[in-house]
Amino acid sequence: MMMHSATGQKPSRLVVMMWVVLCALLPAGGPAWAQEASAPAGPATLRLAAWNIEWLGKPADRSGRAKGEAQKIEDLSGYILAGEADVLGLVEIIPTASTRPPRSTELDAVFKDINARDGHDWEYVLFPGRGAKDQLTGIAWNREKVNAVNVKGERWDAKRDTPWRVPLPQGKTEQGSVLWHRPPHAMKFSAGEGKTDFVAIVLHMKADYQGDFSRHRGEEARALADALDAVRAHWSDEDIVLMGDTNCVVEREFLTDAFEKAGLSDLNEGRMKTHWRGGTMDRIFVPRGQPEFAKSRMSVHSTGYLRSRGWRPDDFKQHLSDHYLVWTNLEVMDDDD
């Protein structure tokens, strides 16, 4: 290529030599700024989330301005979509269909609405409780992004597979309440053949509505922590995530100590407000020392969403729930267990 100066004259020998040296130093294909569009993307991630949807299916038991007001399907689906979750722990769901496993008319409608959009193919499972009208936990996932698998590693089939209940002792705690009134269940998810997989357990622990039940929650946490080896053995996986409503409103209490002694990290650490009145109940615990979770941080789906709707916290309480959705990301990589 012939070089010319702005005046149309040939450049000096020194200028030509400098140009040759500069071209040799540049990376093949041009300068770095010209290659940004083709630079390799960062690591893929999955977003895990949990949401306590206040008395979904039984609006008469909602409180304050929300009492008697059923959540609208479009509000629920809009909030879930805005949270961009791939796996979503469900808390405080009242079943409305007498099937096994149980179903929710509201959730059926919500995920039908979500699945009408490109890139979404959601399925959900509710976990059986102790009684027919109990609040239930459950889990939902977008099959466009992640697969639920059974104990054989086969893709989850609702006609064949049933939720696996974590083996825990029966009875009551020292404070006289039933141990794990909302029994924990475990499900396994995979990002693809040979890629990141993990076991998710959704939590709904006893609240302090009628006193201080921190010791009760501590007994629940110790029982679950003692059962984690059984969970690992059943699913042949070391990566266990606990997420949901712990009803712990302080930085640390007996339950956080128990889970941390079991090798889990509390991504909330009692610092992030997840309740419309400022409580820190909702938490995500991830395994320490596992590379998929090395960069995991918890976030709360609150301020930005409220601003986008022009809502105050009490508007959110009225239309959706007293709890906000919480989430974290984990990296998708080659599976290491």
Foldseek 3Di string as FASTA:
>chain_A
DADADPVRDGDDPVVVVVVVVVVVPADPPGHPVVCVVVDDDDFDKAKEKEDEWAQAPQQCPADDLQHPPHFDLVVVLVQVVVVVHFKYKYWFYWFDDPDVVTHHPSVVSNLVVNVVDPLFDKDKTWADFPDNGDGTMIMMGGPSFKFWADLVRHGDDPVPDHWAFQDFDWDADPVHHTQPRHTWTKIKMARDVQKDIAIEIEDDADAQPPHDCLVSLLVNLLRVLVRVVVVCVSNVDDKYKYWYFSNDQALDTNNQVNVVVSQWDWLCSNPDAFFLVGGDGTTMITGPPDQQCPPKHKDWSPDVVCVVVVHRSVVCCNNTRRGTMMMIMTGMDRDDD
